[in-house]
Amino acid sequence: MYTTVYQAQNPHEDQLETAQDSVKKNAFVKGLGNGYIPTKYFNFDLRYLIKYNQYEGVRTGIGGVTNDAFSKKIKISGYTVYGFRDDRFKYSVSTSFRLDEKTNTWMTFSYTDDLQETGSTKFLTDKRFFQFFEPRLLNIDLFHKHITKAVAFEQQILNNLNAETEFSISSIDPTYNYGYITNKGILNTFDLSLAKFAFQWSPFKSLKASETELKDTKNEFPIFTLQYTKSFNDILKSDLGFSKLDFRAIHQIGKKEGNLSELTLVAGMANGDIPLTHLYHAYPNNINKETIMQRFSVAGTNSFETMFFNEFFSDKFATLQLKHFLKPFYITEHYKPQMVLITRYAIGDVKQPEKHQNVTFGSLKKGYTESGFEINKLLFGFGLSFSYRYGAYHLPEIGDNIAFKFTFNLTL
C-alpha cells in the first residue's frame, strides 16, 4: 500500500525566501554601485578592469579585496594591471589587520609598483570613490613611476573624527625627461622616506555603536580634512627633505532633490627641497590641442576645465569651487535633466622654478578664474558642459578660453 502526502508550502517560508532574495539583490546592486562584483569570499574591483590614459594607452587588469565572509579581522587586497602603450605590468598587494573593532582600528602593510600623476595629492582619509570611467585620467600624460612600501594605521578617534597615519619608503622615477637641482647635483630619480598624518572631522556626523563596530547613521556637511606630510632627508637613503600641509573643506546647503549649493575649498603649502612630482597642479582638465572640438572630451568632477595640462605648478596654492545644482527639470518620471552653475578660482605661486629642469610651467600668482554650466543626464547619463576662462589668465584667442565637453552621471 502506497501513501502519497502532499504538503503545502508555508506562506511564511515564501515570504522569507522572497525577503532573502531581495536582500541579496540589493547587496549586489549596492556592491556594483561601489565598483565591486561581490562573490562569497572575495569582491572583484571594477576600477582595475579597464582604463585609458595618454602614457599607458589602454590599461587593463584585475583586482579585489576579501570580504567579511572571509574574515572580519583580516583583509587581503591587491591588483595587477598592464599598460599596452608602455608595455609594463603594475601591481599592488596589501594586508590589513583589525586591532580594535569598536574604534574600527586597522593596521595595513602594502607594497605597490605603479604610476602616479605628477602634481596630484591624495588624502589618506578619503574613502573609496568609484566612477565607471575617470574623466581626467583619459588626458593625463605626466606620470612618475613609484615603488612604495608602506605601513598605515586607521582609527575612529571620535564619532565625528577619524585619523590615519602612514609611514612609507618610495623610489621615484619620472616617466618624462626631468631633473631636480639640489646641493648634491641634479637628481633624475630619487628615494623618499615619508610620514603622513591625516585627520577628517565632520561636526554633524553621528555613529551608531553596535557590539562589534561603528556604523554611520548620519553624515552631514561640512567635512574638514587636514593632512601633514614630512619627507626626511638622509633617513633610510632618502634624497630630499620637505614638508607639506594640505587642507580641504566641503560644504553643502540645500537638498539633493531640490536646489543644492556645494562649496569646496582646497589649499596646500610645501616647503623644502620638493620636486615636481610632489608639487600642486590645481587639477587641470584641458587638452593641449588647437580647436574647441579637438579638445572635446569628458568634464571632470572638481577639475578646471579650461586650464591646460601641465600649464601651472605651485608649491603653495588654494582653489575655491562653487557649484549650484538647480532643481531637476521634471519632464517624465525617468527623464529629469539637471542644470549646474559652476565658478572656480585658483591662486598660487612657486619658489625657484629654475630648479626644475627640462620642464616649463607658469605660476598662478595672478589668480585664475573660470565659470560655466553643465546640463546633466540628457541621455543615458550623458550631458554637456561649457566653461569660459577669464580674468588675469584670459588668452588672446577667444576659442582657447572655451571648453566644451560632455558629462557622465549614472546612478545605480
Protein backbone atom coordinates (compact mmCIF):
# COMPACT_ATOMS: atom_id res chain seq x y z
CA MET A 1 0.00 0.00 0.00
CA TYR A 2 1.36 3.34 -1.00
CA THR A 3 0.55 6.63 0.61
CA THR A 4 1.13 9.94 -1.11
CA VAL A 5 1.44 13.01 1.08
CA TYR A 6 1.01 16.49 -0.35
CA GLN A 7 2.46 19.25 1.80
CA ALA A 8 1.59 22.83 1.05
CA GLN A 9 4.47 25.26 1.34
CA ASN A 10 4.22 27.56 4.31
CA PRO A 11 3.39 31.10 3.09
CA HIS A 12 5.77 32.44 5.73
CA GLU A 13 8.60 30.46 4.10
CA ASP A 14 7.73 32.02 0.73
CA GLN A 15 7.89 35.47 2.28
CA LEU A 16 11.21 34.65 3.97
CA GLU A 17 12.75 33.39 0.71
CA THR A 18 11.49 36.46 -1.15
CA ALA A 19 12.92 38.76 1.53
CA GLN A 20 16.28 36.95 1.43
CA ASP A 21 16.40 37.20 -2.38
CA SER A 22 15.60 40.90 -2.14
CA VAL A 23 18.39 41.46 0.41
CA LYS A 24 20.88 39.59 -1.80
CA LYS A 25 19.81 41.58 -4.86
CA ASN A 26 20.09 44.90 -3.01
CA ALA A 27 23.53 43.92 -1.68
CA PHE A 28 24.68 43.02 -5.20
CA VAL A 29 23.39 46.30 -6.69
CA LYS A 30 24.97 48.29 -3.83
CA GLY A 31 28.27 46.48 -4.36
CA LEU A 32 28.10 47.14 -8.09
CA GLY A 33 27.41 50.82 -7.45
CA ASN A 34 30.53 50.94 -5.27
CA GLY A 35 32.54 49.30 -8.04
CA TYR A 36 32.56 45.72 -6.79
CA ILE A 37 31.28 42.40 -8.08
CA PRO A 38 30.74 40.50 -4.82
CA THR A 39 31.35 36.77 -4.51
CA LYS A 40 31.26 34.53 -1.45
CA TYR A 41 34.67 35.43 -0.02
CA PHE A 42 36.14 37.94 -2.48
CA ASN A 43 34.86 41.14 -4.09
CA PHE A 44 36.26 41.88 -7.55
CA ASP A 45 37.16 45.55 -8.01
CA LEU A 46 35.84 47.09 -11.24
CA ARG A 47 38.27 50.03 -11.02
CA TYR A 48 41.04 47.89 -12.48
CA LEU A 49 39.05 46.30 -15.30
CA ILE A 50 39.84 48.87 -18.00
CA LYS A 51 41.09 52.47 -18.13
CA TYR A 52 42.88 54.73 -20.57
CA ASN A 53 45.47 57.50 -20.30
CA GLN A 54 47.98 59.18 -22.60
CA TYR A 55 51.02 57.36 -21.20
CA GLU A 56 49.81 53.77 -20.83
CA GLY A 57 47.16 53.81 -23.52
CA VAL A 58 44.72 51.07 -22.59
CA ARG A 59 45.28 49.89 -19.01
CA THR A 60 43.54 46.68 -18.04
CA GLY A 61 43.77 44.20 -15.21
CA ILE A 62 42.09 42.56 -12.27
CA GLY A 63 41.89 43.30 -8.55
CA GLY A 64 39.77 42.99 -5.47
CA VAL A 65 39.54 42.53 -1.73
CA THR A 66 38.38 39.83 0.66
CA ASN A 67 35.05 40.46 2.38
CA ASP A 68 33.57 39.82 5.83
CA ALA A 69 32.66 36.24 4.94
CA PHE A 70 36.38 35.55 4.57
CA SER A 71 37.28 37.36 7.79
CA LYS A 72 36.15 40.35 9.80
CA LYS A 73 39.62 40.79 11.29
CA ILE A 74 41.85 40.40 8.24
CA LYS A 75 41.56 41.94 4.77
CA ILE A 76 43.74 41.00 1.81
CA SER A 77 43.57 43.17 -1.29
CA GLY A 78 45.55 43.69 -4.44
CA TYR A 79 45.55 44.25 -8.17
CA THR A 80 47.59 43.58 -11.30
CA VAL A 81 47.26 45.76 -14.40
CA TYR A 82 49.00 46.03 -17.76
CA GLY A 83 49.57 49.12 -19.90
CA PHE A 84 49.66 48.37 -23.62
CA ARG A 85 51.47 51.54 -24.70
CA ASP A 86 54.26 51.41 -22.10
CA ASP A 87 54.28 47.57 -22.21
CA ARG A 88 54.60 47.21 -18.46
CA PHE A 89 52.81 45.42 -15.62
CA LYS A 90 51.94 47.27 -12.39
CA TYR A 91 50.68 45.72 -9.19
CA SER A 92 49.91 46.23 -5.53
CA VAL A 93 49.23 43.93 -2.60
CA SER A 94 48.19 44.76 0.96
CA THR A 95 47.16 43.00 4.14
CA SER A 96 45.13 44.69 6.87
CA PHE A 97 44.58 43.59 10.47
CA ARG A 98 41.77 44.89 12.65
CA LEU A 99 43.27 45.84 16.00
CA ASP A 100 40.09 47.09 17.66
CA GLU A 101 36.54 46.58 16.45
CA LYS A 102 34.71 49.29 18.37
CA THR A 103 37.02 52.07 17.20
CA ASN A 104 37.50 50.43 13.79
CA THR A 105 41.29 50.49 14.17
CA TRP A 106 43.23 48.84 11.34
CA MET A 107 46.91 48.32 10.58
CA THR A 108 47.84 47.83 6.92
CA PHE A 109 51.04 46.66 5.23
CA SER A 110 51.31 47.34 1.50
CA TYR A 111 53.67 47.08 -1.46
CA THR A 112 52.94 48.99 -4.68
CA ASP A 113 54.71 49.21 -8.03
CA ASP A 114 52.64 51.58 -10.17
CA LEU A 115 52.26 55.07 -11.64
CA GLN A 116 51.04 58.28 -10.03
CA GLU A 117 50.06 61.54 -11.68
CA THR A 118 52.72 64.21 -11.15
CA GLY A 119 51.43 67.09 -9.03
CA SER A 120 48.47 65.20 -7.56
CA THR A 121 47.67 65.00 -3.85
CA LYS A 122 45.75 62.19 -2.17
CA PHE A 123 44.26 62.49 1.31
CA LEU A 124 44.71 59.33 3.37
CA THR A 125 41.23 59.71 4.86
CA ASP A 126 39.45 59.78 1.51
CA LYS A 127 37.11 56.85 1.25
CA ARG A 128 36.76 54.75 -1.83
CA PHE A 129 35.22 56.62 -4.76
CA PHE A 130 34.15 54.73 -7.88
CA GLN A 131 33.33 56.04 -11.35
CA PHE A 132 32.62 53.90 -14.39
CA PHE A 133 35.38 55.91 -16.02
CA GLU A 134 37.56 58.68 -14.64
CA PRO A 135 37.25 61.79 -16.84
CA ARG A 136 40.63 63.42 -16.17
CA LEU A 137 42.53 60.16 -16.49
CA LEU A 138 41.81 59.98 -20.23
CA ASN A 139 44.00 63.01 -20.94
CA ILE A 140 46.81 62.77 -18.35
CA ASP A 141 50.30 62.29 -19.79
CA LEU A 142 52.59 63.32 -16.90
CA PHE A 143 53.19 60.36 -14.57
CA HIS A 144 56.01 59.14 -12.39
CA LYS A 145 56.77 55.53 -11.53
CA HIS A 146 56.97 54.66 -7.87
CA ILE A 147 57.77 51.57 -5.85
CA THR A 148 56.35 52.12 -2.38
CA LYS A 149 56.48 50.04 0.80
CA ALA A 150 54.14 51.34 3.50
CA VAL A 151 52.61 50.65 6.88
CA ALA A 152 49.45 52.55 7.80
CA PHE A 153 47.11 52.91 10.77
CA GLU A 154 43.45 53.94 10.66
CA GLN A 155 41.27 54.77 13.66
CA GLN A 156 37.91 56.32 14.51
CA ILE A 157 39.01 58.63 17.35
CA LEU A 158 35.58 60.16 17.97
CA ASN A 159 32.17 59.71 16.40
CA ASN A 160 32.92 62.59 14.05
CA LEU A 161 36.72 62.41 13.86
CA ASN A 162 38.87 59.78 12.21
CA ALA A 163 42.62 59.69 11.70
CA GLU A 164 45.11 57.87 9.50
CA THR A 165 48.88 57.65 9.70
CA GLU A 166 51.23 56.24 7.08
CA PHE A 167 54.97 55.62 7.02
CA SER A 168 56.43 54.79 3.62
CA ILE A 169 59.59 54.40 1.58
CA SER A 170 59.32 55.24 -2.13
CA SER A 171 61.60 55.07 -5.14
CA ILE A 172 60.51 57.72 -7.66
CA ASP A 173 61.30 57.62 -11.38
CA PRO A 174 59.60 60.24 -13.63
CA THR A 175 58.45 58.86 -16.98
CA TYR A 176 59.41 62.18 -18.63
CA ASN A 177 62.75 63.95 -19.06
CA TYR A 178 63.21 65.73 -15.74
CA GLY A 179 65.98 66.81 -13.41
CA TYR A 180 65.81 68.48 -10.00
CA ILE A 181 68.75 70.64 -8.90
CA THR A 182 69.96 70.05 -5.33
CA ASN A 183 73.15 70.58 -3.35
CA LYS A 184 74.05 67.02 -4.30
CA GLY A 185 73.70 67.76 -8.01
CA ILE A 186 70.88 67.09 -10.47
CA LEU A 187 68.57 64.23 -9.48
CA ASN A 188 66.71 62.39 -12.24
CA THR A 189 65.41 59.71 -9.88
CA PHE A 190 65.18 59.86 -6.10
CA ASP A 191 64.18 57.98 -2.96
CA LEU A 192 61.86 59.40 -0.30
CA SER A 193 61.12 58.40 3.30
CA LEU A 194 57.70 59.84 4.15
CA ALA A 195 55.45 60.18 7.17
CA LYS A 196 51.84 61.29 6.70
CA PHE A 197 49.27 62.26 9.33
CA ALA A 198 45.68 62.94 8.27
CA PHE A 199 42.51 63.90 10.14
CA GLN A 200 38.94 64.20 8.90
CA TRP A 201 36.33 65.97 11.01
CA SER A 202 32.60 66.00 10.27
CA PRO A 203 30.96 68.09 13.03
CA PHE A 204 27.45 66.78 12.39
CA LYS A 205 28.35 63.17 11.72
CA SER A 206 26.91 60.64 14.16
CA LEU A 207 27.60 56.95 14.55
CA LYS A 208 25.54 54.11 15.92
CA ALA A 209 27.53 51.76 18.12
CA SER A 210 26.89 48.03 17.91
CA GLU A 211 28.65 45.30 19.84
CA THR A 212 31.31 44.91 17.18
CA GLU A 213 31.63 48.11 15.17
CA LEU A 214 30.57 51.66 14.44
CA LYS A 215 28.16 52.43 11.60
CA ASP A 216 27.26 55.78 10.05
CA THR A 217 23.71 56.90 10.76
CA LYS A 218 24.14 60.49 9.66
CA ASN A 219 26.87 62.12 7.59
CA GLU A 220 26.12 65.76 7.02
CA PHE A 221 28.34 68.52 5.79
CA PRO A 222 30.65 70.32 6.35
CA ILE A 223 33.61 67.95 6.12
CA PHE A 224 37.11 69.20 7.02
CA THR A 225 40.30 67.33 6.14
CA LEU A 226 43.84 68.19 7.25
CA GLN A 227 46.98 66.31 6.23
CA TYR A 228 50.64 66.81 7.07
CA THR A 229 53.44 65.15 5.08
CA LYS A 230 57.09 65.06 6.05
CA SER A 231 59.93 63.76 3.88
CA PHE A 232 63.07 63.01 5.91
CA ASN A 233 66.42 63.72 4.27
CA ASP A 234 69.18 61.10 4.69
CA ILE A 235 66.92 58.70 6.59
CA LEU A 236 66.65 55.23 5.03
CA LYS A 237 68.53 56.56 1.98
CA SER A 238 66.05 59.39 1.37
CA ASP A 239 67.42 62.04 -1.02
CA LEU A 240 65.16 65.01 -0.23
CA GLY A 241 63.73 66.73 2.82
CA PHE A 242 60.48 68.70 2.61
CA SER A 243 57.11 69.16 4.30
CA LYS A 244 53.56 69.67 3.03
CA LEU A 245 50.38 70.84 4.74
CA ASP A 246 47.11 70.21 2.91
CA PHE A 247 43.59 71.30 3.81
CA ARG A 248 40.16 70.71 2.30
CA ALA A 249 36.67 71.84 3.30
CA ILE A 250 33.45 70.70 1.62
CA HIS A 251 30.03 72.07 2.48
CA GLN A 252 26.57 71.64 1.01
CA ILE A 253 23.48 73.77 1.52
CA GLY A 254 20.07 72.58 0.36
CA LYS A 255 18.60 69.24 -0.63
CA LYS A 256 19.62 66.89 -3.43
CA GLU A 257 16.07 66.65 -4.75
CA GLY A 258 15.81 70.45 -4.92
CA ASN A 259 18.23 73.37 -5.18
CA LEU A 260 21.64 72.50 -3.76
CA SER A 261 24.81 74.58 -3.39
CA GLU A 262 28.21 72.97 -2.87
CA LEU A 263 31.34 74.82 -1.80
CA THR A 264 34.80 73.19 -1.98
CA LEU A 265 37.96 74.85 -0.68
CA VAL A 266 41.34 73.15 -1.19
CA ALA A 267 44.68 74.61 -0.11
CA GLY A 268 48.24 73.36 0.18
CA MET A 269 51.66 74.63 1.17
CA ALA A 270 55.05 72.95 0.67
CA ASN A 271 58.50 73.88 1.99
CA GLY A 272 61.97 72.47 1.43
CA ASP A 273 63.55 70.53 -1.42
CA ILE A 274 60.38 69.45 -3.19
CA PRO A 275 60.49 68.01 -6.73
CA LEU A 276 57.87 68.50 -9.45
CA THR A 277 56.35 65.11 -8.64
CA HIS A 278 55.15 66.41 -5.26
CA LEU A 279 54.15 69.98 -6.19
CA TYR A 280 50.50 71.01 -6.79
CA HIS A 281 48.85 71.28 -10.21
CA ALA A 282 45.30 72.50 -9.31
CA TYR A 283 43.67 69.65 -11.29
CA PRO A 284 43.60 70.92 -14.89
CA ASN A 285 41.48 69.09 -17.46
CA ASN A 286 42.08 70.71 -20.85
CA ILE A 287 43.94 69.00 -23.70
CA ASN A 288 46.74 70.85 -25.47
CA LYS A 289 45.07 70.98 -28.90
CA GLU A 290 44.16 73.87 -31.19
CA THR A 291 40.38 73.94 -31.68
CA ILE A 292 37.43 73.67 -29.31
CA MET A 293 36.15 70.47 -30.92
CA GLN A 294 39.62 68.87 -30.89
CA ARG A 295 39.59 69.46 -27.14
CA PHE A 296 36.09 67.99 -26.77
CA SER A 297 36.36 65.34 -24.06
CA VAL A 298 34.88 64.42 -20.68
CA ALA A 299 34.38 67.06 -17.99
CA GLY A 300 35.76 66.20 -14.57
CA THR A 301 34.07 66.44 -11.19
CA ASN A 302 36.22 69.07 -9.48
CA SER A 303 38.73 69.99 -12.19
CA PHE A 304 39.47 73.24 -14.04
CA GLU A 305 38.05 72.54 -17.49
CA THR A 306 39.80 75.44 -19.30
CA MET A 307 43.21 75.02 -17.62
CA PHE A 308 45.64 73.12 -19.83
CA PHE A 309 47.50 70.09 -18.55
CA ASN A 310 50.96 70.93 -17.15
CA GLU A 311 50.28 74.67 -17.55
CA PHE A 312 50.78 75.57 -13.87
CA PHE A 313 52.56 74.07 -10.87
CA SER A 314 52.73 75.55 -7.37
CA ASP A 315 54.38 74.95 -4.01
CA LYS A 316 51.57 76.87 -2.34
CA PHE A 317 48.07 77.23 -3.73
CA ALA A 318 44.37 77.49 -2.97
CA THR A 319 41.32 76.69 -5.06
CA LEU A 320 37.69 77.59 -4.46
CA GLN A 321 34.84 75.94 -6.33
CA LEU A 322 31.17 76.87 -6.11
CA LYS A 323 28.52 74.64 -7.68
CA HIS A 324 24.81 75.38 -7.62
CA PHE A 325 22.56 72.48 -8.62
CA LEU A 326 19.18 73.70 -9.85
CA LYS A 327 16.12 71.60 -9.19
CA PRO A 328 15.93 68.87 -11.86
CA PHE A 329 13.62 69.59 -14.79
CA TYR A 330 10.72 67.17 -14.45
CA ILE A 331 9.92 66.01 -17.99
CA THR A 332 8.90 62.44 -17.21
CA GLU A 333 9.28 60.17 -14.20
CA HIS A 334 12.51 58.74 -15.63
CA TYR A 335 13.80 61.79 -17.52
CA LYS A 336 14.94 64.63 -15.28
CA PRO A 337 17.86 66.66 -16.69
CA GLN A 338 19.59 68.98 -14.26
CA MET A 339 21.50 72.23 -14.74
CA VAL A 340 24.54 73.05 -12.60
CA LEU A 341 26.09 76.53 -12.42
CA ILE A 342 29.84 76.48 -11.70
CA THR A 343 32.55 79.00 -10.80
CA ARG A 344 36.16 78.08 -9.98
CA TYR A 345 39.07 80.17 -8.74
CA ALA A 346 42.74 79.26 -8.14
CA ILE A 347 45.73 81.18 -6.83
CA GLY A 348 49.27 80.04 -6.10
CA ASP A 349 52.99 80.55 -6.55
CA VAL A 350 56.21 78.57 -6.79
CA LYS A 351 59.70 79.33 -5.49
CA GLN A 352 62.79 78.74 -7.60
CA PRO A 353 61.14 77.28 -10.72
CA GLU A 354 64.61 77.18 -12.29
CA LYS A 355 65.44 74.16 -10.08
CA HIS A 356 63.08 72.07 -12.21
CA GLN A 357 64.99 71.14 -15.35
CA ASN A 358 63.57 70.26 -18.81
CA VAL A 359 60.01 71.35 -17.95
CA THR A 360 58.26 74.68 -18.46
CA PHE A 361 55.28 75.86 -16.45
CA GLY A 362 53.65 79.04 -15.17
CA SER A 363 52.60 80.46 -11.81
CA LEU A 364 49.07 81.11 -10.52
CA LYS A 365 50.04 84.20 -8.53
CA LYS A 366 47.67 86.47 -10.52
CA GLY A 367 44.61 84.35 -9.78
CA TYR A 368 42.87 82.03 -12.26
CA THR A 369 39.11 82.18 -12.88
CA GLU A 370 36.63 80.17 -14.94
CA SER A 371 32.85 79.89 -14.93
CA GLY A 372 30.31 77.82 -16.79
CA PHE A 373 27.45 75.38 -16.54
CA GLU A 374 26.54 71.74 -17.01
CA ILE A 375 23.31 70.15 -18.18
CA ASN A 376 23.48 66.61 -16.86
CA LYS A 377 21.54 63.42 -17.60
CA LEU A 378 20.29 64.48 -21.01
CA LEU A 379 20.54 60.98 -22.50
CA PHE A 380 21.57 57.69 -20.84
CA GLY A 381 23.50 59.57 -18.14
CA PHE A 382 25.32 61.81 -20.63
CA GLY A 383 25.16 65.60 -20.57
CA LEU A 384 27.01 68.69 -21.77
CA SER A 385 29.44 71.11 -20.13
CA PHE A 386 30.53 74.63 -21.10
CA SER A 387 33.28 76.65 -19.35
CA TYR A 388 34.91 80.01 -20.05
CA ARG A 389 38.30 81.25 -18.87
CA TYR A 390 38.55 84.93 -17.96
CA GLY A 391 40.48 87.36 -15.79
CA ALA A 392 44.27 87.57 -15.44
CA TYR A 393 44.92 84.39 -17.45
CA HIS A 394 42.50 85.11 -20.30
CA LEU A 395 44.15 84.04 -23.57
CA PRO A 396 44.35 86.21 -26.74
CA GLU A 397 42.44 83.72 -28.91
CA ILE A 398 38.80 83.56 -27.79
CA GLY A 399 38.49 79.89 -28.68
CA ASP A 400 41.39 78.99 -26.38
CA ASN A 401 39.36 80.23 -23.40
CA ILE A 402 36.39 77.95 -24.13
CA ALA A 403 35.96 74.35 -23.01
CA PHE A 404 33.02 72.42 -24.46
CA LYS A 405 32.73 68.85 -23.15
CA PHE A 406 30.31 66.10 -22.23
CA THR A 407 29.48 64.87 -18.75
CA PHE A 408 28.52 61.44 -17.50
CA ASN A 409 26.42 60.76 -14.42
CA LEU A 410 24.99 57.33 -13.73
CA THR A 411 23.36 56.19 -10.51
CA LEU A 412 22.51 52.55 -9.83
